[in-house]
Amino acid sequence: MDLQMLNKKFVICQVEDFRNINFEEDYMFTAKTEEEYSIICPEEIAPKECIKIEYGWKCFRIAEDAAFEKYGMIAFLADIIAKQETGILVVATFDTDYILIKEEKMEQVKNALIEAGCQFI
């Protein structure tokens, strides 16, 4: 499987609302529930007014066709990542999936994925 590392540090933020968020930036992922508004974005564009913020995430994406009709890609990756004893945060878009891992575990995860036959392009 082809994967592509994004050379940015990411944060996960809980915010009051989305009013002051610049949605023109790249790699802006949002979620809204009845209880909260959350944003995942590169650290350098993190909102200034966060309720909570967690630093230290790195991200890679599936760099091949990850169409809805294909299944098992995330399960395959998640199994390898789980064996590295670390958490995973997956964000799905229409075209592909993004996987976030804590920065201190990323090199270990990357090596395990390569050993399993994945390649970073």
PDB file of N, CA and C in Angstrom:
ATOM      1  N   MET A   1       0.849  -1.177   0.000  1.00  0.00           N
ATOM      2  CA  MET A   1       0.000   0.000   0.000  1.00  0.00           C
ATOM      3  C   MET A   1       0.890   1.234   0.000  1.00  0.00           C
ATOM      4  N   ASP A   2       0.546   2.206  -0.827  1.00  0.00           N
ATOM      5  CA  ASP A   2       1.289   3.464  -0.887  1.00  0.00           C
ATOM      6  C   ASP A   2       0.736   4.441   0.148  1.00  0.00           C
ATOM      7  N   LEU A   3       1.648   5.007   0.919  1.00  0.00           N
ATOM      8  CA  LEU A   3       1.293   5.985   1.953  1.00  0.00           C
ATOM      9  C   LEU A   3       2.125   7.239   1.720  1.00  0.00           C
ATOM     10  N   GLN A   4       1.611   8.362   2.183  1.00  0.00           N
ATOM     11  CA  GLN A   4       2.343   9.622   2.042  1.00  0.00           C
ATOM     12  C   GLN A   4       2.319  10.371   3.363  1.00  0.00           C
ATOM     13  N   MET A   5       3.511  10.678   3.851  1.00  0.00           N
ATOM     14  CA  MET A   5       3.648  11.431   5.096  1.00  0.00           C
ATOM     15  C   MET A   5       3.379  12.902   4.838  1.00  0.00           C
ATOM     16  N   LEU A   6       2.652  13.541   5.724  1.00  0.00           N
ATOM     17  CA  LEU A   6       2.469  14.992   5.653  1.00  0.00           C
ATOM     18  C   LEU A   6       3.489  15.605   6.607  1.00  0.00           C
ATOM     19  N   ASN A   7       4.329  16.462   6.113  1.00  0.00           N
ATOM     20  CA  ASN A   7       5.421  17.011   6.913  1.00  0.00           C
ATOM     21  C   ASN A   7       4.966  18.201   7.739  1.00  0.00           C
ATOM     22  N   LYS A   8       4.017  17.925   8.599  1.00  0.00           N
ATOM     23  CA  LYS A   8       3.478  18.945   9.499  1.00  0.00           C
ATOM     24  C   LYS A   8       3.206  18.311  10.849  1.00  0.00           C
ATOM     25  N   LYS A   9       3.205  19.127  11.878  1.00  0.00           N
ATOM     26  CA  LYS A   9       2.735  18.693  13.189  1.00  0.00           C
ATOM     27  C   LYS A   9       1.271  19.107  13.297  1.00  0.00           C
ATOM     28  N   PHE A  10       0.453  18.222  13.832  1.00  0.00           N
ATOM     29  CA  PHE A  10      -0.976  18.479  13.953  1.00  0.00           C
ATOM     30  C   PHE A  10      -1.401  18.618  15.405  1.00  0.00           C
ATOM     31  N   VAL A  11      -2.520  19.295  15.582  1.00  0.00           N
ATOM     32  CA  VAL A  11      -3.149  19.435  16.895  1.00  0.00           C
ATOM     33  C   VAL A  11      -4.614  19.023  16.783  1.00  0.00           C
ATOM     34  N   ILE A  12      -5.150  18.632  17.912  1.00  0.00           N
ATOM     35  CA  ILE A  12      -6.574  18.337  18.017  1.00  0.00           C
ATOM     36  C   ILE A  12      -7.139  19.346  19.002  1.00  0.00           C
ATOM     37  N   CYS A  13      -8.120  20.109  18.552  1.00  0.00           N
ATOM     38  CA  CYS A  13      -8.648  21.219  19.347  1.00  0.00           C
ATOM     39  C   CYS A  13     -10.142  21.050  19.592  1.00  0.00           C
ATOM     40  N   GLN A  14     -10.555  21.413  20.779  1.00  0.00           N
ATOM     41  CA  GLN A  14     -11.978  21.572  21.057  1.00  0.00           C
ATOM     42  C   GLN A  14     -12.218  23.079  21.130  1.00  0.00           C
ATOM     43  N   VAL A  15     -13.208  23.556  20.360  1.00  0.00           N
ATOM     44  CA  VAL A  15     -13.490  24.985  20.297  1.00  0.00           C
ATOM     45  C   VAL A  15     -14.943  25.262  20.647  1.00  0.00           C
ATOM     46  N   GLU A  16     -15.212  26.508  20.940  1.00  0.00           N
ATOM     47  CA  GLU A  16     -16.574  26.928  21.294  1.00  0.00           C
ATOM     48  C   GLU A  16     -17.529  26.783  20.107  1.00  0.00           C
ATOM     49  N   ASP A  17     -17.056  27.203  18.933  1.00  0.00           N
ATOM     50  CA  ASP A  17     -17.835  27.105  17.696  1.00  0.00           C
ATOM     51  C   ASP A  17     -16.869  27.292  16.532  1.00  0.00           C
ATOM     52  N   PHE A  18     -17.372  27.307  15.320  1.00  0.00           N
ATOM     53  CA  PHE A  18     -16.520  27.411  14.130  1.00  0.00           C
ATOM     54  C   PHE A  18     -16.461  28.829  13.560  1.00  0.00           C
ATOM     55  N   ARG A  19     -16.975  29.828  14.262  1.00  0.00           N
ATOM     56  CA  ARG A  19     -17.062  31.186  13.706  1.00  0.00           C
ATOM     57  C   ARG A  19     -15.731  31.786  13.289  1.00  0.00           C
ATOM     58  N   ASN A  20     -14.678  31.588  14.046  1.00  0.00           N
ATOM     59  CA  ASN A  20     -13.397  32.235  13.751  1.00  0.00           C
ATOM     60  C   ASN A  20     -12.381  31.288  13.111  1.00  0.00           C
ATOM     61  N   ILE A  21     -12.869  30.247  12.478  1.00  0.00           N
ATOM     62  CA  ILE A  21     -11.985  29.262  11.863  1.00  0.00           C
ATOM     63  C   ILE A  21     -11.811  29.595  10.382  1.00  0.00           C
ATOM     64  N   ASN A  22     -10.565  29.597   9.920  1.00  0.00           N
ATOM     65  CA  ASN A  22     -10.265  29.855   8.517  1.00  0.00           C
ATOM     66  C   ASN A  22     -10.292  28.531   7.762  1.00  0.00           C
ATOM     67  N   PHE A  23     -11.380  28.263   7.092  1.00  0.00           N
ATOM     68  CA  PHE A  23     -11.538  26.999   6.381  1.00  0.00           C
ATOM     69  C   PHE A  23     -10.823  26.981   5.034  1.00  0.00           C
ATOM     70  N   GLU A  24     -10.109  28.038   4.692  1.00  0.00           N
ATOM     71  CA  GLU A  24      -9.338  28.076   3.447  1.00  0.00           C
ATOM     72  C   GLU A  24      -7.993  27.373   3.589  1.00  0.00           C
ATOM     73  N   GLU A  25      -7.590  27.061   4.805  1.00  0.00           N
ATOM     74  CA  GLU A  25      -6.313  26.390   5.041  1.00  0.00           C
ATOM     75  C   GLU A  25      -6.403  24.919   4.640  1.00  0.00           C
ATOM     76  N   ASP A  26      -5.255  24.351   4.250  1.00  0.00           N
ATOM     77  CA  ASP A  26      -5.201  22.929   3.929  1.00  0.00           C
ATOM     78  C   ASP A  26      -5.201  22.094   5.207  1.00  0.00           C
ATOM     79  N   TYR A  27      -5.727  20.900   5.092  1.00  0.00           N
ATOM     80  CA  TYR A  27      -5.752  19.925   6.176  1.00  0.00           C
ATOM     81  C   TYR A  27      -6.487  20.439   7.406  1.00  0.00           C
ATOM     82  N   MET A  28      -7.714  20.818   7.194  1.00  0.00           N
ATOM     83  CA  MET A  28      -8.584  21.264   8.279  1.00  0.00           C
ATOM     84  C   MET A  28      -9.723  20.254   8.362  1.00  0.00           C
ATOM     85  N   PHE A  29      -9.752  19.482   9.432  1.00  0.00           N
ATOM     86  CA  PHE A  29     -10.789  18.471   9.631  1.00  0.00           C
ATOM     87  C   PHE A  29     -11.659  18.907  10.801  1.00  0.00           C
ATOM     88  N   THR A  30     -12.957  18.830  10.638  1.00  0.00           N
ATOM     89  CA  THR A  30     -13.864  19.284  11.693  1.00  0.00           C
ATOM     90  C   THR A  30     -14.867  18.200  12.048  1.00  0.00           C
ATOM     91  N   ALA A  31     -15.379  18.303  13.267  1.00  0.00           N
ATOM     92  CA  ALA A  31     -16.462  17.433  13.723  1.00  0.00           C
ATOM     93  C   ALA A  31     -17.349  18.248  14.651  1.00  0.00           C
ATOM     94  N   LYS A  32     -18.651  18.010  14.549  1.00  0.00           N
ATOM     95  CA  LYS A  32     -19.618  18.680  15.417  1.00  0.00           C
ATOM     96  C   LYS A  32     -20.583  17.628  15.927  1.00  0.00           C
ATOM     97  N   THR A  33     -20.750  17.607  17.235  1.00  0.00           N
ATOM     98  CA  THR A  33     -21.741  16.737  17.857  1.00  0.00           C
ATOM     99  C   THR A  33     -22.658  17.596  18.705  1.00  0.00           C
ATOM    100  N   GLU A  34     -23.596  16.962  19.388  1.00  0.00           N
ATOM    101  CA  GLU A  34     -24.466  17.733  20.278  1.00  0.00           C
ATOM    102  C   GLU A  34     -23.702  18.269  21.483  1.00  0.00           C
ATOM    103  N   GLU A  35     -22.474  17.766  21.703  1.00  0.00           N
ATOM    104  CA  GLU A  35     -21.700  18.163  22.876  1.00  0.00           C
ATOM    105  C   GLU A  35     -20.476  19.023  22.578  1.00  0.00           C
ATOM    106  N   GLU A  36     -19.978  18.982  21.344  1.00  0.00           N
ATOM    107  CA  GLU A  36     -18.730  19.712  21.107  1.00  0.00           C
ATOM    108  C   GLU A  36     -18.473  20.006  19.636  1.00  0.00           C
ATOM    109  N   TYR A  37     -17.538  20.933  19.437  1.00  0.00           N
ATOM    110  CA  TYR A  37     -16.970  21.252  18.129  1.00  0.00           C
ATOM    111  C   TYR A  37     -15.481  20.912  18.221  1.00  0.00           C
ATOM    112  N   SER A  38     -14.984  20.123  17.282  1.00  0.00           N
ATOM    113  CA  SER A  38     -13.573  19.745  17.284  1.00  0.00           C
ATOM    114  C   SER A  38     -12.942  20.052  15.936  1.00  0.00           C
ATOM    115  N   ILE A  39     -11.654  20.346  15.983  1.00  0.00           N
ATOM    116  CA  ILE A  39     -10.873  20.643  14.784  1.00  0.00           C
ATOM    117  C   ILE A  39      -9.555  19.896  14.890  1.00  0.00           C
ATOM    118  N   ILE A  40      -9.145  19.310  13.777  1.00  0.00           N
ATOM    119  CA  ILE A  40      -7.801  18.750  13.640  1.00  0.00           C
ATOM    120  C   ILE A  40      -7.147  19.555  12.535  1.00  0.00           C
ATOM    121  N   CYS A  41      -5.976  20.113  12.823  1.00  0.00           N
ATOM    122  CA  CYS A  41      -5.319  20.970  11.832  1.00  0.00           C
ATOM    123  C   CYS A  41      -3.825  21.041  12.118  1.00  0.00           C
ATOM    124  N   PRO A  42      -3.058  21.558  11.162  1.00  0.00           N
ATOM    125  CA  PRO A  42      -1.638  21.777  11.436  1.00  0.00           C
ATOM    126  C   PRO A  42      -1.461  22.744  12.609  1.00  0.00           C
ATOM    127  N   GLU A  43      -0.448  22.480  13.393  1.00  0.00           N
ATOM    128  CA  GLU A  43      -0.190  23.264  14.602  1.00  0.00           C
ATOM    129  C   GLU A  43      -0.093  24.755  14.316  1.00  0.00           C
ATOM    130  N   GLU A  44       0.538  25.124  13.194  1.00  0.00           N
ATOM    131  CA  GLU A  44       0.762  26.542  12.920  1.00  0.00           C
ATOM    132  C   GLU A  44      -0.516  27.319  12.626  1.00  0.00           C
ATOM    133  N   ILE A  45      -1.619  26.647  12.361  1.00  0.00           N
ATOM    134  CA  ILE A  45      -2.877  27.367  12.108  1.00  0.00           C
ATOM    135  C   ILE A  45      -3.939  27.052  13.164  1.00  0.00           C
ATOM    136  N   ALA A  46      -3.506  26.540  14.304  1.00  0.00           N
ATOM    137  CA  ALA A  46      -4.452  26.209  15.369  1.00  0.00           C
ATOM    138  C   ALA A  46      -5.204  27.460  15.824  1.00  0.00           C
ATOM    139  N   PRO A  47      -6.497  27.332  16.089  1.00  0.00           N
ATOM    140  CA  PRO A  47      -7.262  28.481  16.586  1.00  0.00           C
ATOM    141  C   PRO A  47      -6.676  28.999  17.905  1.00  0.00           C
ATOM    142  N   LYS A  48      -6.747  30.286  18.086  1.00  0.00           N
ATOM    143  CA  LYS A  48      -6.205  30.888  19.308  1.00  0.00           C
ATOM    144  C   LYS A  48      -7.100  30.654  20.524  1.00  0.00           C
ATOM    145  N   GLU A  49      -8.391  30.565  20.297  1.00  0.00           N
ATOM    146  CA  GLU A  49      -9.339  30.397  21.399  1.00  0.00           C
ATOM    147  C   GLU A  49      -9.825  28.952  21.469  1.00  0.00           C
ATOM    148  N   CYS A  50      -9.018  28.078  22.060  1.00  0.00           N
ATOM    149  CA  CYS A  50      -9.399  26.676  22.210  1.00  0.00           C
ATOM    150  C   CYS A  50      -9.839  26.403  23.646  1.00  0.00           C
ATOM    151  N   ILE A  51     -10.827  25.559  23.790  1.00  0.00           N
ATOM    152  CA  ILE A  51     -11.216  25.085  25.112  1.00  0.00           C
ATOM    153  C   ILE A  51     -10.165  24.091  25.594  1.00  0.00           C
ATOM    154  N   LYS A  52      -9.806  23.156  24.717  1.00  0.00           N
ATOM    155  CA  LYS A  52      -8.751  22.181  24.974  1.00  0.00           C
ATOM    156  C   LYS A  52      -7.950  22.024  23.690  1.00  0.00           C
ATOM    157  N   ILE A  53      -6.672  21.702  23.847  1.00  0.00           N
ATOM    158  CA  ILE A  53      -5.828  21.452  22.676  1.00  0.00           C
ATOM    159  C   ILE A  53      -4.818  20.378  23.036  1.00  0.00           C
ATOM    160  N   GLU A  54      -4.624  19.434  22.114  1.00  0.00           N
ATOM    161  CA  GLU A  54      -3.623  18.399  22.305  1.00  0.00           C
ATOM    162  C   GLU A  54      -2.624  18.481  21.161  1.00  0.00           C
ATOM    163  N   TYR A  55      -1.375  18.680  21.531  1.00  0.00           N
ATOM    164  CA  TYR A  55      -0.285  18.817  20.571  1.00  0.00           C
ATOM    165  C   TYR A  55       0.379  17.459  20.315  1.00  0.00           C
ATOM    166  N   GLY A  56       1.233  17.440  19.292  1.00  0.00           N
ATOM    167  CA  GLY A  56       2.131  16.316  19.116  1.00  0.00           C
ATOM    168  C   GLY A  56       1.634  15.191  18.229  1.00  0.00           C
ATOM    169  N   TRP A  57       0.856  15.495  17.212  1.00  0.00           N
ATOM    170  CA  TRP A  57       0.368  14.471  16.297  1.00  0.00           C
ATOM    171  C   TRP A  57       1.056  14.606  14.948  1.00  0.00           C
ATOM    172  N   LYS A  58       1.365  13.482  14.322  1.00  0.00           N
ATOM    173  CA  LYS A  58       1.880  13.427  12.958  1.00  0.00           C
ATOM    174  C   LYS A  58       0.844  12.705  12.109  1.00  0.00           C
ATOM    175  N   CYS A  59       0.900  12.921  10.793  1.00  0.00           N
ATOM    176  CA  CYS A  59      -0.156  12.418   9.928  1.00  0.00           C
ATOM    177  C   CYS A  59       0.409  11.854   8.631  1.00  0.00           C
ATOM    178  N   PHE A  60      -0.203  10.759   8.176  1.00  0.00           N
ATOM    179  CA  PHE A  60       0.054  10.268   6.830  1.00  0.00           C
ATOM    180  C   PHE A  60      -1.284   9.897   6.206  1.00  0.00           C
ATOM    181  N   ARG A  61      -1.285   9.758   4.892  1.00  0.00           N
ATOM    182  CA  ARG A  61      -2.515   9.416   4.197  1.00  0.00           C
ATOM    183  C   ARG A  61      -2.290   8.247   3.256  1.00  0.00           C
ATOM    184  N   ILE A  62      -3.379   7.587   2.944  1.00  0.00           N
ATOM    185  CA  ILE A  62      -3.331   6.544   1.936  1.00  0.00           C
ATOM    186  C   ILE A  62      -3.178   7.246   0.592  1.00  0.00           C
ATOM    187  N   ALA A  63      -2.120   6.927  -0.128  1.00  0.00           N
ATOM    188  CA  ALA A  63      -1.785   7.651  -1.355  1.00  0.00           C
ATOM    189  C   ALA A  63      -2.110   6.825  -2.600  1.00  0.00           C
ATOM    190  N   GLU A  64      -3.174   6.096  -2.517  1.00  0.00           N
ATOM    191  CA  GLU A  64      -3.667   5.343  -3.668  1.00  0.00           C
ATOM    192  C   GLU A  64      -5.181   5.356  -3.595  1.00  0.00           C
ATOM    193  N   ASP A  65      -5.816   4.777  -4.569  1.00  0.00           N
ATOM    194  CA  ASP A  65      -7.272   4.771  -4.611  1.00  0.00           C
ATOM    195  C   ASP A  65      -7.839   4.121  -3.355  1.00  0.00           C
ATOM    196  N   ALA A  66      -8.535   4.904  -2.570  1.00  0.00           N
ATOM    197  CA  ALA A  66      -9.175   4.402  -1.350  1.00  0.00           C
ATOM    198  C   ALA A  66     -10.681   4.565  -1.481  1.00  0.00           C
ATOM    199  N   ALA A  67     -11.204   4.206  -2.636  1.00  0.00           N
ATOM    200  CA  ALA A  67     -12.633   4.370  -2.926  1.00  0.00           C
ATOM    201  C   ALA A  67     -13.481   3.623  -1.906  1.00  0.00           C
ATOM    202  N   PHE A  68     -14.724   4.064  -1.787  1.00  0.00           N
ATOM    203  CA  PHE A  68     -15.640   3.464  -0.831  1.00  0.00           C
ATOM    204  C   PHE A  68     -15.829   1.965  -1.076  1.00  0.00           C
ATOM    205  N   GLU A  69     -15.675   1.542  -2.317  1.00  0.00           N
ATOM    206  CA  GLU A  69     -15.873   0.139  -2.649  1.00  0.00           C
ATOM    207  C   GLU A  69     -14.730  -0.742  -2.147  1.00  0.00           C
ATOM    208  N   LYS A  70     -13.603  -0.130  -1.834  1.00  0.00           N
ATOM    209  CA  LYS A  70     -12.473  -0.885  -1.300  1.00  0.00           C
ATOM    210  C   LYS A  70     -12.645  -0.978   0.214  1.00  0.00           C
ATOM    211  N   TYR A  71     -12.375  -2.117   0.740  1.00  0.00           N
ATOM    212  CA  TYR A  71     -12.539  -2.274   2.184  1.00  0.00           C
ATOM    213  C   TYR A  71     -11.313  -2.987   2.758  1.00  0.00           C
ATOM    214  N   GLY A  72     -11.109  -2.802   4.038  1.00  0.00           N
ATOM    215  CA  GLY A  72     -10.019  -3.461   4.734  1.00  0.00           C
ATOM    216  C   GLY A  72      -8.736  -2.678   4.821  1.00  0.00           C
ATOM    217  N   MET A  73      -8.651  -1.538   4.139  1.00  0.00           N
ATOM    218  CA  MET A  73      -7.398  -0.779   4.153  1.00  0.00           C
ATOM    219  C   MET A  73      -7.097  -0.249   5.558  1.00  0.00           C
ATOM    220  N   ILE A  74      -8.070   0.370   6.171  1.00  0.00           N
ATOM    221  CA  ILE A  74      -7.858   0.904   7.521  1.00  0.00           C
ATOM    222  C   ILE A  74      -7.659  -0.232   8.523  1.00  0.00           C
ATOM    223  N   ALA A  75      -8.404  -1.320   8.381  1.00  0.00           N
ATOM    224  CA  ALA A  75      -8.237  -2.465   9.280  1.00  0.00           C
ATOM    225  C   ALA A  75      -6.815  -3.017   9.194  1.00  0.00           C
ATOM    226  N   PHE A  76      -6.292  -3.127   7.972  1.00  0.00           N
ATOM    227  CA  PHE A  76      -4.923  -3.601   7.765  1.00  0.00           C
ATOM    228  C   PHE A  76      -3.925  -2.685   8.480  1.00  0.00           C
ATOM    229  N   LEU A  77      -4.053  -1.373   8.261  1.00  0.00           N
ATOM    230  CA  LEU A  77      -3.140  -0.413   8.882  1.00  0.00           C
ATOM    231  C   LEU A  77      -3.307  -0.381  10.397  1.00  0.00           C
ATOM    232  N   ALA A  78      -4.548  -0.380  10.858  1.00  0.00           N
ATOM    233  CA  ALA A  78      -4.821  -0.301  12.299  1.00  0.00           C
ATOM    234  C   ALA A  78      -4.248  -1.498  13.042  1.00  0.00           C
ATOM    235  N   ASP A  79      -4.301  -2.669  12.444  1.00  0.00           N
ATOM    236  CA  ASP A  79      -3.742  -3.859  13.081  1.00  0.00           C
ATOM    237  C   ASP A  79      -2.239  -3.703  13.282  1.00  0.00           C
ATOM    238  N   ILE A  80      -1.547  -3.242  12.264  1.00  0.00           N
ATOM    239  CA  ILE A  80      -0.100  -3.027  12.367  1.00  0.00           C
ATOM    240  C   ILE A  80       0.213  -1.970  13.416  1.00  0.00           C
ATOM    241  N   ILE A  81      -0.542  -0.891  13.398  1.00  0.00           N
ATOM    242  CA  ILE A  81      -0.311   0.207  14.342  1.00  0.00           C
ATOM    243  C   ILE A  81      -0.604  -0.231  15.771  1.00  0.00           C
ATOM    244  N   ALA A  82      -1.671  -0.991  15.977  1.00  0.00           N
ATOM    245  CA  ALA A  82      -2.020  -1.466  17.326  1.00  0.00           C
ATOM    246  C   ALA A  82      -0.900  -2.319  17.911  1.00  0.00           C
ATOM    247  N   LYS A  83      -0.222  -3.086  17.076  1.00  0.00           N
ATOM    248  CA  LYS A  83       0.879  -3.925  17.554  1.00  0.00           C
ATOM    249  C   LYS A  83       2.066  -3.090  18.013  1.00  0.00           C
ATOM    250  N   GLN A  84       2.073  -1.818  17.671  1.00  0.00           N
ATOM    251  CA  GLN A  84       3.123  -0.903  18.131  1.00  0.00           C
ATOM    252  C   GLN A  84       2.733  -0.228  19.445  1.00  0.00           C
ATOM    253  N   GLU A  85       1.607  -0.650  19.997  1.00  0.00           N
ATOM    254  CA  GLU A  85       1.101  -0.159  21.287  1.00  0.00           C
ATOM    255  C   GLU A  85       0.929   1.349  21.301  1.00  0.00           C
ATOM    256  N   THR A  86       0.222   1.815  20.298  1.00  0.00           N
ATOM    257  CA  THR A  86      -0.091   3.236  20.240  1.00  0.00           C
ATOM    258  C   THR A  86      -1.497   3.419  19.689  1.00  0.00           C
ATOM    259  N   GLY A  87      -2.058   4.570  19.961  1.00  0.00           N
ATOM    260  CA  GLY A  87      -3.387   4.886  19.467  1.00  0.00           C
ATOM    261  C   GLY A  87      -3.336   5.373  18.031  1.00  0.00           C
ATOM    262  N   ILE A  88      -4.504   5.454  17.455  1.00  0.00           N
ATOM    263  CA  ILE A  88      -4.647   5.876  16.063  1.00  0.00           C
ATOM    264  C   ILE A  88      -5.892   6.755  15.979  1.00  0.00           C
ATOM    265  N   LEU A  89      -5.795   7.778  15.176  1.00  0.00           N
ATOM    266  CA  LEU A  89      -6.943   8.633  14.888  1.00  0.00           C
ATOM    267  C   LEU A  89      -7.084   8.662  13.373  1.00  0.00           C
ATOM    268  N   VAL A  90      -8.233   8.244  12.873  1.00  0.00           N
ATOM    269  CA  VAL A  90      -8.470   8.170  11.432  1.00  0.00           C
ATOM    270  C   VAL A  90      -9.497   9.220  11.034  1.00  0.00           C
ATOM    271  N   VAL A  91      -9.183   9.940   9.974  1.00  0.00           N
ATOM    272  CA  VAL A  91     -10.118  10.900   9.393  1.00  0.00           C
ATOM    273  C   VAL A  91     -10.353  10.469   7.950  1.00  0.00           C
ATOM    274  N   ALA A  92     -11.599  10.261   7.613  1.00  0.00           N
ATOM    275  CA  ALA A  92     -11.938   9.861   6.252  1.00  0.00           C
ATOM    276  C   ALA A  92     -12.453  11.057   5.471  1.00  0.00           C
ATOM    277  N   THR A  93     -11.999  11.164   4.233  1.00  0.00           N
ATOM    278  CA  THR A  93     -12.537  12.148   3.307  1.00  0.00           C
ATOM    279  C   THR A  93     -13.135  11.381   2.132  1.00  0.00           C
ATOM    280  N   PHE A  94     -13.680  12.088   1.181  1.00  0.00           N
ATOM    281  CA  PHE A  94     -14.278  11.414   0.036  1.00  0.00           C
ATOM    282  C   PHE A  94     -13.237  10.627  -0.746  1.00  0.00           C
ATOM    283  N   ASP A  95     -12.023  11.174  -0.886  1.00  0.00           N
ATOM    284  CA  ASP A  95     -10.999  10.560  -1.725  1.00  0.00           C
ATOM    285  C   ASP A  95     -10.065   9.589  -1.017  1.00  0.00           C
ATOM    286  N   THR A  96      -9.786   9.818   0.257  1.00  0.00           N
ATOM    287  CA  THR A  96      -8.817   8.964   0.942  1.00  0.00           C
ATOM    288  C   THR A  96      -8.999   9.052   2.447  1.00  0.00           C
ATOM    289  N   ASP A  97      -8.100   8.392   3.170  1.00  0.00           N
ATOM    290  CA  ASP A  97      -8.123   8.402   4.633  1.00  0.00           C
ATOM    291  C   ASP A  97      -6.807   8.952   5.146  1.00  0.00           C
ATOM    292  N   TYR A  98      -6.889   9.678   6.251  1.00  0.00           N
ATOM    293  CA  TYR A  98      -5.734  10.256   6.920  1.00  0.00           C
ATOM    294  C   TYR A  98      -5.592   9.577   8.267  1.00  0.00           C
ATOM    295  N   ILE A  99      -4.373   9.219   8.628  1.00  0.00           N
ATOM    296  CA  ILE A  99      -4.113   8.523   9.875  1.00  0.00           C
ATOM    297  C   ILE A  99      -3.180   9.388  10.709  1.00  0.00           C
ATOM    298  N   LEU A 100      -3.605   9.677  11.924  1.00  0.00           N
ATOM    299  CA  LEU A 100      -2.785  10.470  12.835  1.00  0.00           C
ATOM    300  C   LEU A 100      -2.283   9.587  13.966  1.00  0.00           C
ATOM    301  N   ILE A 101      -1.001   9.767  14.290  1.00  0.00           N
ATOM    302  CA  ILE A 101      -0.309   9.007  15.326  1.00  0.00           C
ATOM    303  C   ILE A 101       0.445  10.015  16.186  1.00  0.00           C
ATOM    304  N   LYS A 102       0.579   9.728  17.472  1.00  0.00           N
ATOM    305  CA  LYS A 102       1.374  10.607  18.320  1.00  0.00           C
ATOM    306  C   LYS A 102       2.818  10.647  17.792  1.00  0.00           C
ATOM    307  N   GLU A 103       3.386  11.831  17.803  1.00  0.00           N
ATOM    308  CA  GLU A 103       4.694  12.086  17.202  1.00  0.00           C
ATOM    309  C   GLU A 103       5.783  11.145  17.725  1.00  0.00           C
ATOM    310  N   GLU A 104       5.785  10.870  19.018  1.00  0.00           N
ATOM    311  CA  GLU A 104       6.854  10.053  19.591  1.00  0.00           C
ATOM    312  C   GLU A 104       6.795   8.590  19.132  1.00  0.00           C
ATOM    313  N   LYS A 105       5.698   8.156  18.554  1.00  0.00           N
ATOM    314  CA  LYS A 105       5.557   6.783  18.075  1.00  0.00           C
ATOM    315  C   LYS A 105       5.640   6.676  16.548  1.00  0.00           C
ATOM    316  N   MET A 106       5.689   7.793  15.855  1.00  0.00           N
ATOM    317  CA  MET A 106       5.565   7.761  14.398  1.00  0.00           C
ATOM    318  C   MET A 106       6.688   6.982  13.718  1.00  0.00           C
ATOM    319  N   GLU A 107       7.916   7.152  14.125  1.00  0.00           N
ATOM    320  CA  GLU A 107       9.017   6.444  13.463  1.00  0.00           C
ATOM    321  C   GLU A 107       8.870   4.941  13.646  1.00  0.00           C
ATOM    322  N   GLN A 108       8.509   4.519  14.824  1.00  0.00           N
ATOM    323  CA  GLN A 108       8.279   3.099  15.107  1.00  0.00           C
ATOM    324  C   GLN A 108       7.137   2.555  14.245  1.00  0.00           C
ATOM    325  N   VAL A 109       6.048   3.299  14.144  1.00  0.00           N
ATOM    326  CA  VAL A 109       4.901   2.895  13.323  1.00  0.00           C
ATOM    327  C   VAL A 109       5.299   2.844  11.855  1.00  0.00           C
ATOM    328  N   LYS A 110       6.001   3.862  11.404  1.00  0.00           N
ATOM    329  CA  LYS A 110       6.428   3.912   9.999  1.00  0.00           C
ATOM    330  C   LYS A 110       7.281   2.692   9.651  1.00  0.00           C
ATOM    331  N   ASN A 111       8.227   2.344  10.512  1.00  0.00           N
ATOM    332  CA  ASN A 111       9.076   1.182  10.275  1.00  0.00           C
ATOM    333  C   ASN A 111       8.251  -0.110  10.228  1.00  0.00           C
ATOM    334  N   ALA A 112       7.273  -0.242  11.111  1.00  0.00           N
ATOM    335  CA  ALA A 112       6.419  -1.432  11.129  1.00  0.00           C
ATOM    336  C   ALA A 112       5.587  -1.529   9.853  1.00  0.00           C
ATOM    337  N   LEU A 113       5.093  -0.390   9.372  1.00  0.00           N
ATOM    338  CA  LEU A 113       4.318  -0.390   8.129  1.00  0.00           C
ATOM    339  C   LEU A 113       5.181  -0.786   6.932  1.00  0.00           C
ATOM    340  N   ILE A 114       6.406  -0.297   6.896  1.00  0.00           N
ATOM    341  CA  ILE A 114       7.329  -0.654   5.820  1.00  0.00           C
ATOM    342  C   ILE A 114       7.631  -2.152   5.857  1.00  0.00           C
ATOM    343  N   GLU A 115       7.869  -2.676   7.055  1.00  0.00           N
ATOM    344  CA  GLU A 115       8.126  -4.111   7.209  1.00  0.00           C
ATOM    345  C   GLU A 115       6.938  -4.948   6.742  1.00  0.00           C
ATOM    346  N   ALA A 116       5.730  -4.405   6.845  1.00  0.00           N
ATOM    347  CA  ALA A 116       4.513  -5.106   6.432  1.00  0.00           C
ATOM    348  C   ALA A 116       4.222  -4.949   4.941  1.00  0.00           C
ATOM    349  N   GLY A 117       5.113  -4.257   4.216  1.00  0.00           N
ATOM    350  CA  GLY A 117       4.949  -4.136   2.774  1.00  0.00           C
ATOM    351  C   GLY A 117       4.433  -2.803   2.278  1.00  0.00           C
ATOM    352  N   CYS A 118       4.177  -1.875   3.174  1.00  0.00           N
ATOM    353  CA  CYS A 118       3.753  -0.538   2.753  1.00  0.00           C
ATOM    354  C   CYS A 118       4.972   0.253   2.299  1.00  0.00           C
ATOM    355  N   GLN A 119       4.736   1.272   1.491  1.00  0.00           N
ATOM    356  CA  GLN A 119       5.828   2.162   1.117  1.00  0.00           C
ATOM    357  C   GLN A 119       5.371   3.602   1.242  1.00  0.00           C
ATOM    358  N   PHE A 120       6.274   4.440   1.709  1.00  0.00           N
ATOM    359  CA  PHE A 120       6.006   5.863   1.803  1.00  0.00           C
ATOM    360  C   PHE A 120       6.579   6.525   0.565  1.00  0.00           C
ATOM    361  N   ILE A 121       5.721   7.239  -0.159  1.00  0.00           N
ATOM    362  CA  ILE A 121       6.146   7.862  -1.410  1.00  0.00           C
ATOM    363  C   ILE A 121       6.296   9.362  -1.227  1.00  0.00           C
TER     364      ILE A 121
END
